[in-house]
PDB file of N, CA and C in Angstrom:
ATOM      1  N   MET A   1     -22.588  10.317 -30.252  1.00  0.00           N
ATOM      2  CA  MET A   1     -22.468   9.158 -29.389  1.00  0.00           C
ATOM      3  C   MET A   1     -21.019   8.964 -28.930  1.00  0.00           C
ATOM      4  N   ALA A   2     -20.081   9.087 -29.884  1.00  0.00           N
ATOM      5  CA  ALA A   2     -18.669   8.899 -29.549  1.00  0.00           C
ATOM      6  C   ALA A   2     -18.211   9.966 -28.558  1.00  0.00           C
ATOM      7  N   ARG A   3     -18.777  11.157 -28.694  1.00  0.00           N
ATOM      8  CA  ARG A   3     -18.435  12.256 -27.784  1.00  0.00           C
ATOM      9  C   ARG A   3     -18.840  11.933 -26.348  1.00  0.00           C
ATOM     10  N   VAL A   4     -20.007  11.356 -26.201  1.00  0.00           N
ATOM     11  CA  VAL A   4     -20.528  11.011 -24.877  1.00  0.00           C
ATOM     12  C   VAL A   4     -19.630   9.959 -24.228  1.00  0.00           C
ATOM     13  N   ILE A   5     -19.279   8.941 -24.992  1.00  0.00           N
ATOM     14  CA  ILE A   5     -18.414   7.879 -24.468  1.00  0.00           C
ATOM     15  C   ILE A   5     -17.058   8.453 -24.086  1.00  0.00           C
ATOM     16  N   ARG A   6     -16.510   9.296 -24.931  1.00  0.00           N
ATOM     17  CA  ARG A   6     -15.220   9.930 -24.658  1.00  0.00           C
ATOM     18  C   ARG A   6     -15.292  10.762 -23.377  1.00  0.00           C
ATOM     19  N   HIS A   7     -16.384  11.482 -23.196  1.00  0.00           N
ATOM     20  CA  HIS A   7     -16.563  12.308 -22.000  1.00  0.00           C
ATOM     21  C   HIS A   7     -16.646  11.429 -20.742  1.00  0.00           C
ATOM     22  N   VAL A   8     -17.371  10.325 -20.821  1.00  0.00           N
ATOM     23  CA  VAL A   8     -17.495   9.413 -19.678  1.00  0.00           C
ATOM     24  C   VAL A   8     -16.133   8.797 -19.350  1.00  0.00           C
ATOM     25  N   LEU A   9     -15.389   8.394 -20.364  1.00  0.00           N
ATOM     26  CA  LEU A   9     -14.051   7.840 -20.142  1.00  0.00           C
ATOM     27  C   LEU A   9     -13.124   8.874 -19.493  1.00  0.00           C
ATOM     28  N   HIS A  10     -13.228  10.107 -19.922  1.00  0.00           N
ATOM     29  CA  HIS A  10     -12.398  11.169 -19.343  1.00  0.00           C
ATOM     30  C   HIS A  10     -12.758  11.401 -17.876  1.00  0.00           C
ATOM     31  N   GLU A  11     -14.037  11.414 -17.565  1.00  0.00           N
ATOM     32  CA  GLU A  11     -14.466  11.567 -16.167  1.00  0.00           C
ATOM     33  C   GLU A  11     -13.945  10.413 -15.314  1.00  0.00           C
ATOM     34  N   GLU A  12     -14.017   9.212 -15.856  1.00  0.00           N
ATOM     35  CA  GLU A  12     -13.527   8.045 -15.120  1.00  0.00           C
ATOM     36  C   GLU A  12     -12.014   8.126 -14.914  1.00  0.00           C
ATOM     37  N   LEU A  13     -11.310   8.652 -15.885  1.00  0.00           N
ATOM     38  CA  LEU A  13      -9.863   8.835 -15.759  1.00  0.00           C
ATOM     39  C   LEU A  13      -9.538   9.829 -14.651  1.00  0.00           C
ATOM     40  N   VAL A  14     -10.277  10.915 -14.581  1.00  0.00           N
ATOM     41  CA  VAL A  14     -10.073  11.915 -13.532  1.00  0.00           C
ATOM     42  C   VAL A  14     -10.344  11.295 -12.158  1.00  0.00           C
ATOM     43  N   ASN A  15     -11.423  10.536 -12.045  1.00  0.00           N
ATOM     44  CA  ASN A  15     -11.747   9.870 -10.774  1.00  0.00           C
ATOM     45  C   ASN A  15     -10.671   8.858 -10.392  1.00  0.00           C
ATOM     46  N   SER A  16     -10.162   8.113 -11.359  1.00  0.00           N
ATOM     47  CA  SER A  16      -9.141   7.109 -11.084  1.00  0.00           C
ATOM     48  C   SER A  16      -7.847   7.770 -10.609  1.00  0.00           C
ATOM     49  N   ARG A  17      -7.476   8.877 -11.204  1.00  0.00           N
ATOM     50  CA  ARG A  17      -6.269   9.592 -10.767  1.00  0.00           C
ATOM     51  C   ARG A  17      -6.441  10.133  -9.348  1.00  0.00           C
ATOM     52  N   ARG A  18      -7.637  10.586  -9.016  1.00  0.00           N
ATOM     53  CA  ARG A  18      -7.917  11.065  -7.666  1.00  0.00           C
ATOM     54  C   ARG A  18      -7.798   9.906  -6.664  1.00  0.00           C
ATOM     55  N   MET A  19      -8.335   8.750  -7.036  1.00  0.00           N
ATOM     56  CA  MET A  19      -8.228   7.579  -6.168  1.00  0.00           C
ATOM     57  C   MET A  19      -6.769   7.163  -6.000  1.00  0.00           C
ATOM     58  N   GLN A  20      -5.984   7.256  -7.060  1.00  0.00           N
ATOM     59  CA  GLN A  20      -4.569   6.912  -6.990  1.00  0.00           C
ATOM     60  C   GLN A  20      -3.842   7.801  -5.979  1.00  0.00           C
ATOM     61  N   ARG A  21      -4.126   9.089  -6.009  1.00  0.00           N
ATOM     62  CA  ARG A  21      -3.502  10.011  -5.040  1.00  0.00           C
ATOM     63  C   ARG A  21      -3.919   9.677  -3.613  1.00  0.00           C
ATOM     64  N   ARG A  22      -5.190   9.356  -3.406  1.00  0.00           N
ATOM     65  CA  ARG A  22      -5.672   9.022  -2.059  1.00  0.00           C
ATOM     66  C   ARG A  22      -5.035   7.745  -1.538  1.00  0.00           C
ATOM     67  N   TYR A  23      -4.933   6.719  -2.391  1.00  0.00           N
ATOM     68  CA  TYR A  23      -4.315   5.463  -1.970  1.00  0.00           C
ATOM     69  C   TYR A  23      -2.846   5.675  -1.638  1.00  0.00           C
ATOM     70  N   ALA A  24      -2.143   6.439  -2.458  1.00  0.00           N
ATOM     71  CA  ALA A  24      -0.723   6.705  -2.204  1.00  0.00           C
ATOM     72  C   ALA A  24      -0.546   7.470  -0.896  1.00  0.00           C
ATOM     73  N   GLN A  25      -1.417   8.426  -0.637  1.00  0.00           N
ATOM     74  CA  GLN A  25      -1.349   9.197   0.612  1.00  0.00           C
ATOM     75  C   GLN A  25      -1.637   8.293   1.812  1.00  0.00           C
ATOM     76  N   ALA A  26      -2.602   7.412   1.695  1.00  0.00           N
ATOM     77  CA  ALA A  26      -2.920   6.492   2.793  1.00  0.00           C
ATOM     78  C   ALA A  26      -1.745   5.554   3.065  1.00  0.00           C
ATOM     79  N   LEU A  27      -1.071   5.105   2.001  1.00  0.00           N
ATOM     80  CA  LEU A  27       0.094   4.239   2.176  1.00  0.00           C
ATOM     81  C   LEU A  27       1.216   4.962   2.917  1.00  0.00           C
ATOM     82  N   ARG A  28       1.444   6.215   2.585  1.00  0.00           N
ATOM     83  CA  ARG A  28       2.486   6.988   3.277  1.00  0.00           C
ATOM     84  C   ARG A  28       2.150   7.136   4.751  1.00  0.00           C
ATOM     85  N   GLY A  29       0.886   7.252   5.074  1.00  0.00           N
ATOM     86  CA  GLY A  29       0.467   7.419   6.461  1.00  0.00           C
ATOM     87  C   GLY A  29       0.598   6.152   7.300  1.00  0.00           C
ATOM     88  N   LEU A  30       0.669   4.996   6.651  1.00  0.00           N
ATOM     89  CA  LEU A  30       0.752   3.735   7.382  1.00  0.00           C
ATOM     90  C   LEU A  30       2.179   3.332   7.728  1.00  0.00           C
ATOM     91  N   GLY A  31       3.147   4.027   7.206  1.00  0.00           N
ATOM     92  CA  GLY A  31       4.530   3.682   7.506  1.00  0.00           C
ATOM     93  C   GLY A  31       5.018   2.533   6.643  1.00  0.00           C
ATOM     94  N   ARG A  32       6.244   2.094   6.942  1.00  0.00           N
ATOM     95  CA  ARG A  32       6.866   1.062   6.130  1.00  0.00           C
ATOM     96  C   ARG A  32       7.274  -0.118   7.012  1.00  0.00           C
ATOM     97  N   GLY A  33       7.545  -1.238   6.359  1.00  0.00           N
ATOM     98  CA  GLY A  33       8.121  -2.375   7.052  1.00  0.00           C
ATOM     99  C   GLY A  33       7.120  -3.414   7.497  1.00  0.00           C
ATOM    100  N   SER A  34       7.694  -4.555   7.888  1.00  0.00           N
ATOM    101  CA  SER A  34       6.919  -5.692   8.368  1.00  0.00           C
ATOM    102  C   SER A  34       7.385  -6.077   9.760  1.00  0.00           C
ATOM    103  N   LEU A  35       6.494  -6.626  10.516  1.00  0.00           N
ATOM    104  CA  LEU A  35       6.814  -7.083  11.858  1.00  0.00           C
ATOM    105  C   LEU A  35       7.449  -8.473  11.764  1.00  0.00           C
ATOM    106  N   VAL A  36       8.614  -8.637  12.383  1.00  0.00           N
ATOM    107  CA  VAL A  36       9.330  -9.919  12.377  1.00  0.00           C
ATOM    108  C   VAL A  36       9.511 -10.365  13.814  1.00  0.00           C
ATOM    109  N   ARG A  37       9.196 -11.627  14.074  1.00  0.00           N
ATOM    110  CA  ARG A  37       9.347 -12.191  15.415  1.00  0.00           C
ATOM    111  C   ARG A  37      10.551 -13.126  15.425  1.00  0.00           C
ATOM    112  N   LYS A  38      11.415 -12.939  16.392  1.00  0.00           N
ATOM    113  CA  LYS A  38      12.569 -13.826  16.544  1.00  0.00           C
ATOM    114  C   LYS A  38      12.558 -14.380  17.959  1.00  0.00           C
ATOM    115  N   LEU A  39      12.815 -15.680  18.069  1.00  0.00           N
ATOM    116  CA  LEU A  39      12.908 -16.321  19.378  1.00  0.00           C
ATOM    117  C   LEU A  39      14.375 -16.330  19.799  1.00  0.00           C
ATOM    118  N   ILE A  40      14.656 -15.677  20.894  1.00  0.00           N
ATOM    119  CA  ILE A  40      16.021 -15.619  21.427  1.00  0.00           C
ATOM    120  C   ILE A  40      15.948 -16.100  22.869  1.00  0.00           C
ATOM    121  N   GLY A  41      16.629 -17.192  23.141  1.00  0.00           N
ATOM    122  CA  GLY A  41      16.594 -17.755  24.485  1.00  0.00           C
ATOM    123  C   GLY A  41      15.196 -18.182  24.904  1.00  0.00           C
ATOM    124  N   GLY A  42      14.362 -18.557  23.928  1.00  0.00           N
ATOM    125  CA  GLY A  42      13.006 -18.992  24.221  1.00  0.00           C
ATOM    126  C   GLY A  42      12.009 -17.858  24.401  1.00  0.00           C
ATOM    127  N   HIS A  43      12.455 -16.612  24.263  1.00  0.00           N
ATOM    128  CA  HIS A  43      11.570 -15.452  24.423  1.00  0.00           C
ATOM    129  C   HIS A  43      11.382 -14.752  23.081  1.00  0.00           C
ATOM    130  N   PRO A  44      10.164 -14.316  22.786  1.00  0.00           N
ATOM    131  CA  PRO A  44       9.931 -13.621  21.512  1.00  0.00           C
ATOM    132  C   PRO A  44      10.349 -12.150  21.603  1.00  0.00           C
ATOM    133  N   TYR A  45      11.085 -11.714  20.583  1.00  0.00           N
ATOM    134  CA  TYR A  45      11.453 -10.310  20.428  1.00  0.00           C
ATOM    135  C   TYR A  45      11.008  -9.884  19.038  1.00  0.00           C
ATOM    136  N   TYR A  46      10.633  -8.626  18.910  1.00  0.00           N
ATOM    137  CA  TYR A  46      10.065  -8.159  17.651  1.00  0.00           C
ATOM    138  C   TYR A  46      10.948  -7.089  17.022  1.00  0.00           C
ATOM    139  N   TYR A  47      10.989  -7.157  15.688  1.00  0.00           N
ATOM    140  CA  TYR A  47      11.781  -6.229  14.892  1.00  0.00           C
ATOM    141  C   TYR A  47      10.908  -5.695  13.769  1.00  0.00           C
ATOM    142  N   LEU A  48      11.237  -4.520  13.306  1.00  0.00           N
ATOM    143  CA  LEU A  48      10.576  -3.942  12.137  1.00  0.00           C
ATOM    144  C   LEU A  48      11.544  -4.073  10.977  1.00  0.00           C
ATOM    145  N   ALA A  49      11.177  -4.856   9.969  1.00  0.00           N
ATOM    146  CA  ALA A  49      12.018  -5.076   8.794  1.00  0.00           C
ATOM    147  C   ALA A  49      11.534  -4.148   7.687  1.00  0.00           C
ATOM    148  N   ALA A  50      12.449  -3.294   7.201  1.00  0.00           N
ATOM    149  CA  ALA A  50      12.095  -2.363   6.127  1.00  0.00           C
ATOM    150  C   ALA A  50      13.254  -2.280   5.142  1.00  0.00           C
ATOM    151  N   ARG A  51      12.929  -2.138   3.887  1.00  0.00           N
ATOM    152  CA  ARG A  51      13.947  -2.046   2.853  1.00  0.00           C
ATOM    153  C   ARG A  51      14.471  -0.616   2.777  1.00  0.00           C
ATOM    154  N   GLU A  52      15.800  -0.510   2.745  1.00  0.00           N
ATOM    155  CA  GLU A  52      16.488   0.769   2.518  1.00  0.00           C
ATOM    156  C   GLU A  52      17.423   0.553   1.352  1.00  0.00           C
ATOM    157  N   GLY A  53      16.990   0.962   0.178  1.00  0.00           N
ATOM    158  CA  GLY A  53      17.777   0.699  -1.018  1.00  0.00           C
ATOM    159  C   GLY A  53      17.737  -0.787  -1.335  1.00  0.00           C
ATOM    160  N   ALA A  54      18.921  -1.391  -1.464  1.00  0.00           N
ATOM    161  CA  ALA A  54      18.999  -2.809  -1.788  1.00  0.00           C
ATOM    162  C   ALA A  54      19.006  -3.679  -0.534  1.00  0.00           C
ATOM    163  N   ARG A  55      19.151  -3.084   0.629  1.00  0.00           N
ATOM    164  CA  ARG A  55      19.266  -3.847   1.876  1.00  0.00           C
ATOM    165  C   ARG A  55      17.968  -3.840   2.672  1.00  0.00           C
ATOM    166  N   VAL A  56      17.810  -4.881   3.478  1.00  0.00           N
ATOM    167  CA  VAL A  56      16.698  -4.930   4.418  1.00  0.00           C
ATOM    168  C   VAL A  56      17.273  -4.631   5.796  1.00  0.00           C
ATOM    169  N   ARG A  57      16.749  -3.613   6.445  1.00  0.00           N
ATOM    170  CA  ARG A  57      17.218  -3.219   7.777  1.00  0.00           C
ATOM    171  C   ARG A  57      16.214  -3.674   8.819  1.00  0.00           C
ATOM    172  N   PHE A  58      16.721  -4.114   9.949  1.00  0.00           N
ATOM    173  CA  PHE A  58      15.884  -4.544  11.059  1.00  0.00           C
ATOM    174  C   PHE A  58      16.043  -3.555  12.203  1.00  0.00           C
ATOM    175  N   ARG A  59      14.932  -3.008  12.669  1.00  0.00           N
ATOM    176  CA  ARG A  59      14.948  -2.088  13.804  1.00  0.00           C
ATOM    177  C   ARG A  59      14.314  -2.797  14.995  1.00  0.00           C
ATOM    178  N   TYR A  60      15.020  -2.814  16.085  1.00  0.00           N
ATOM    179  CA  TYR A  60      14.565  -3.527  17.283  1.00  0.00           C
ATOM    180  C   TYR A  60      13.380  -2.813  17.914  1.00  0.00           C
ATOM    181  N   LEU A  61      12.328  -3.564  18.195  1.00  0.00           N
ATOM    182  CA  LEU A  61      11.143  -3.017  18.851  1.00  0.00           C
ATOM    183  C   LEU A  61      10.994  -3.531  20.279  1.00  0.00           C
ATOM    184  N   GLY A  62      11.626  -4.661  20.582  1.00  0.00           N
ATOM    185  CA  GLY A  62      11.553  -5.215  21.928  1.00  0.00           C
ATOM    186  C   GLY A  62      10.436  -6.225  22.066  1.00  0.00           C
ATOM    187  N   LYS A  63      10.039  -6.452  23.316  1.00  0.00           N
ATOM    188  CA  LYS A  63       8.926  -7.353  23.606  1.00  0.00           C
ATOM    189  C   LYS A  63       7.643  -6.535  23.500  1.00  0.00           C
ATOM    190  N   LEU A  64       6.849  -6.809  22.484  1.00  0.00           N
ATOM    191  CA  LEU A  64       5.619  -6.053  22.272  1.00  0.00           C
ATOM    192  C   LEU A  64       4.468  -6.701  23.025  1.00  0.00           C
ATOM    193  N   SER A  65       3.580  -5.868  23.541  1.00  0.00           N
ATOM    194  CA  SER A  65       2.365  -6.385  24.164  1.00  0.00           C
ATOM    195  C   SER A  65       1.416  -6.856  23.063  1.00  0.00           C
ATOM    196  N   VAL A  66       0.421  -7.597  23.439  1.00  0.00           N
ATOM    197  CA  VAL A  66      -0.542  -8.141  22.470  1.00  0.00           C
ATOM    198  C   VAL A  66      -1.240  -7.013  21.690  1.00  0.00           C
ATOM    199  N   PRO A  67      -1.729  -5.942  22.349  1.00  0.00           N
ATOM    200  CA  PRO A  67      -2.381  -4.876  21.571  1.00  0.00           C
ATOM    201  C   PRO A  67      -1.430  -4.190  20.589  1.00  0.00           C
ATOM    202  N   GLU A  68      -0.184  -3.968  20.986  1.00  0.00           N
ATOM    203  CA  GLU A  68       0.785  -3.345  20.071  1.00  0.00           C
ATOM    204  C   GLU A  68       1.033  -4.245  18.866  1.00  0.00           C
ATOM    205  N   ARG A  69       1.171  -5.527  19.128  1.00  0.00           N
ATOM    206  CA  ARG A  69       1.422  -6.492  18.059  1.00  0.00           C
ATOM    207  C   ARG A  69       0.241  -6.529  17.096  1.00  0.00           C
ATOM    208  N   GLN A  70      -0.968  -6.571  17.637  1.00  0.00           N
ATOM    209  CA  GLN A  70      -2.156  -6.605  16.785  1.00  0.00           C
ATOM    210  C   GLN A  70      -2.285  -5.331  15.963  1.00  0.00           C
ATOM    211  N   GLU A  71      -1.944  -4.201  16.559  1.00  0.00           N
ATOM    212  CA  GLU A  71      -2.016  -2.924  15.831  1.00  0.00           C
ATOM    213  C   GLU A  71      -1.037  -2.914  14.658  1.00  0.00           C
ATOM    214  N   ARG A  72       0.171  -3.377  14.892  1.00  0.00           N
ATOM    215  CA  ARG A  72       1.171  -3.414  13.810  1.00  0.00           C
ATOM    216  C   ARG A  72       0.774  -4.394  12.716  1.00  0.00           C
ATOM    217  N   LEU A  73       0.231  -5.545  13.096  1.00  0.00           N
ATOM    218  CA  LEU A  73      -0.215  -6.515  12.101  1.00  0.00           C
ATOM    219  C   LEU A  73      -1.400  -5.981  11.298  1.00  0.00           C
ATOM    220  N   ALA A  74      -2.293  -5.255  11.960  1.00  0.00           N
ATOM    221  CA  ALA A  74      -3.430  -4.655  11.255  1.00  0.00           C
ATOM    222  C   ALA A  74      -2.944  -3.616  10.245  1.00  0.00           C
ATOM    223  N   LYS A  75      -1.949  -2.820  10.633  1.00  0.00           N
ATOM    224  CA  LYS A  75      -1.372  -1.838   9.706  1.00  0.00           C
ATOM    225  C   LYS A  75      -0.752  -2.543   8.504  1.00  0.00           C
ATOM    226  N   HIS A  76      -0.075  -3.654   8.760  1.00  0.00           N
ATOM    227  CA  HIS A  76       0.560  -4.406   7.687  1.00  0.00           C
ATOM    228  C   HIS A  76      -0.491  -4.936   6.702  1.00  0.00           C
ATOM    229  N   ARG A  77      -1.588  -5.476   7.229  1.00  0.00           N
ATOM    230  CA  ARG A  77      -2.669  -5.962   6.357  1.00  0.00           C
ATOM    231  C   ARG A  77      -3.296  -4.814   5.569  1.00  0.00           C
ATOM    232  N   LYS A  78      -3.527  -3.693   6.256  1.00  0.00           N
ATOM    233  CA  LYS A  78      -4.127  -2.528   5.606  1.00  0.00           C
ATOM    234  C   LYS A  78      -3.219  -2.022   4.475  1.00  0.00           C
ATOM    235  N   ARG A  79      -1.900  -2.020   4.717  1.00  0.00           N
ATOM    236  CA  ARG A  79      -0.954  -1.575   3.700  1.00  0.00           C
ATOM    237  C   ARG A  79      -1.017  -2.495   2.481  1.00  0.00           C
ATOM    238  N   GLY A  80      -1.167  -3.809   2.723  1.00  0.00           N
ATOM    239  CA  GLY A  80      -1.304  -4.751   1.616  1.00  0.00           C
ATOM    240  C   GLY A  80      -2.557  -4.490   0.798  1.00  0.00           C
ATOM    241  N   GLN A  81      -3.649  -4.170   1.487  1.00  0.00           N
ATOM    242  CA  GLN A  81      -4.895  -3.854   0.780  1.00  0.00           C
ATOM    243  C   GLN A  81      -4.737  -2.600  -0.075  1.00  0.00           C
ATOM    244  N   TYR A  82      -4.108  -1.573   0.488  1.00  0.00           N
ATOM    245  CA  TYR A  82      -3.913  -0.334  -0.277  1.00  0.00           C
ATOM    246  C   TYR A  82      -2.982  -0.545  -1.466  1.00  0.00           C
ATOM    247  N   ARG A  83      -1.943  -1.371  -1.294  1.00  0.00           N
ATOM    248  CA  ARG A  83      -1.046  -1.647  -2.419  1.00  0.00           C
ATOM    249  C   ARG A  83      -1.793  -2.357  -3.538  1.00  0.00           C
ATOM    250  N   ARG A  84      -2.673  -3.298  -3.165  1.00  0.00           N
ATOM    251  CA  ARG A  84      -3.470  -4.006  -4.175  1.00  0.00           C
ATOM    252  C   ARG A  84      -4.405  -3.033  -4.896  1.00  0.00           C
ATOM    253  N   LEU A  85      -5.083  -2.178  -4.132  1.00  0.00           N
ATOM    254  CA  LEU A  85      -5.988  -1.198  -4.742  1.00  0.00           C
ATOM    255  C   LEU A  85      -5.229  -0.230  -5.642  1.00  0.00           C
ATOM    256  N   LEU A  86      -4.050   0.184  -5.209  1.00  0.00           N
ATOM    257  CA  LEU A  86      -3.231   1.103  -6.010  1.00  0.00           C
ATOM    258  C   LEU A  86      -2.812   0.443  -7.320  1.00  0.00           C
ATOM    259  N   ARG A  87      -2.427  -0.823  -7.255  1.00  0.00           N
ATOM    260  CA  ARG A  87      -2.041  -1.543  -8.470  1.00  0.00           C
ATOM    261  C   ARG A  87      -3.226  -1.638  -9.436  1.00  0.00           C
ATOM    262  N   GLU A  88      -4.413  -1.933  -8.899  1.00  0.00           N
ATOM    263  CA  GLU A  88      -5.601  -2.045  -9.748  1.00  0.00           C
ATOM    264  C   GLU A  88      -5.970  -0.715 -10.388  1.00  0.00           C
ATOM    265  N   VAL A  89      -5.888   0.364  -9.619  1.00  0.00           N
ATOM    266  CA  VAL A  89      -6.266   1.663 -10.176  1.00  0.00           C
ATOM    267  C   VAL A  89      -5.235   2.121 -11.210  1.00  0.00           C
ATOM    268  N   LYS A  90      -3.976   1.746 -11.044  1.00  0.00           N
ATOM    269  CA  LYS A  90      -2.964   2.083 -12.057  1.00  0.00           C
ATOM    270  C   LYS A  90      -3.252   1.356 -13.366  1.00  0.00           C
ATOM    271  N   GLN A  91      -3.670   0.099 -13.264  1.00  0.00           N
ATOM    272  CA  GLN A  91      -4.042  -0.648 -14.472  1.00  0.00           C
ATOM    273  C   GLN A  91      -5.238   0.006 -15.152  1.00  0.00           C
ATOM    274  N   GLN A  92      -6.191   0.449 -14.350  1.00  0.00           N
ATOM    275  CA  GLN A  92      -7.375   1.101 -14.898  1.00  0.00           C
ATOM    276  C   GLN A  92      -6.988   2.412 -15.589  1.00  0.00           C
ATOM    277  N   ILE A  93      -6.079   3.164 -15.004  1.00  0.00           N
ATOM    278  CA  ILE A  93      -5.634   4.426 -15.600  1.00  0.00           C
ATOM    279  C   ILE A  93      -4.963   4.153 -16.944  1.00  0.00           C
ATOM    280  N   ARG A  94      -4.093   3.144 -17.000  1.00  0.00           N
ATOM    281  CA  ARG A  94      -3.430   2.809 -18.279  1.00  0.00           C
ATOM    282  C   ARG A  94      -4.462   2.450 -19.343  1.00  0.00           C
ATOM    283  N   PHE A  95      -5.461   1.651 -18.961  1.00  0.00           N
ATOM    284  CA  PHE A  95      -6.504   1.257 -19.906  1.00  0.00           C
ATOM    285  C   PHE A  95      -7.259   2.491 -20.413  1.00  0.00           C
ATOM    286  N   LEU A  96      -7.658   3.389 -19.482  1.00  0.00           N
ATOM    287  CA  LEU A  96      -8.423   4.565 -19.876  1.00  0.00           C
ATOM    288  C   LEU A  96      -7.597   5.510 -20.746  1.00  0.00           C
ATOM    289  N   GLU A  97      -6.321   5.664 -20.431  1.00  0.00           N
ATOM    290  CA  GLU A  97      -5.465   6.533 -21.248  1.00  0.00           C
ATOM    291  C   GLU A  97      -5.331   5.969 -22.665  1.00  0.00           C
ATOM    292  N   ARG A  98      -5.163   4.654 -22.757  1.00  0.00           N
ATOM    293  CA  ARG A  98      -5.076   4.035 -24.094  1.00  0.00           C
ATOM    294  C   ARG A  98      -6.393   4.181 -24.853  1.00  0.00           C
ATOM    295  N   SER A  99      -7.500   4.046 -24.136  1.00  0.00           N
ATOM    296  CA  SER A  99      -8.819   4.157 -24.782  1.00  0.00           C
ATOM    297  C   SER A  99      -9.062   5.564 -25.299  1.00  0.00           C
ATOM    298  N   LEU A 100      -8.613   6.552 -24.551  1.00  0.00           N
ATOM    299  CA  LEU A 100      -8.840   7.932 -24.961  1.00  0.00           C
ATOM    300  C   LEU A 100      -7.900   8.355 -26.101  1.00  0.00           C
ATOM    301  N   CYS A 101      -6.733   7.754 -26.191  1.00  0.00           N
ATOM    302  CA  CYS A 101      -5.787   8.114 -27.255  1.00  0.00           C
ATOM    303  C   CYS A 101      -6.184   7.525 -28.596  1.00  0.00           C
ATOM    304  N   GLY A 102      -6.843   6.375 -28.576  1.00  0.00           N
ATOM    305  CA  GLY A 102      -7.147   5.642 -29.809  1.00  0.00           C
ATOM    306  C   GLY A 102      -8.374   6.052 -30.469  1.00  0.00           C
TER     307      GLY A 102
END
């Protein structure tokens, strides 16, 4: 019985590690940074804010059209979802590794 449980836990660990790699790859494909809107002279201008080391750098994007803005915001939301999923799968991996060692 213990062998069966151990085997199932090991399979789940392998699946979780595979999911971790997929989530990390998807995050790399979405790029980095957040969209920041600044009002200058009453007109909206957009910047991409991304961390480089200890500093936050702003890259000028200009006046974005509505579809471009929506696309960037959708990417930002998607990146948040993947980060949450990655955090959850890492917790699951730690739990499974501890379960298999004990």
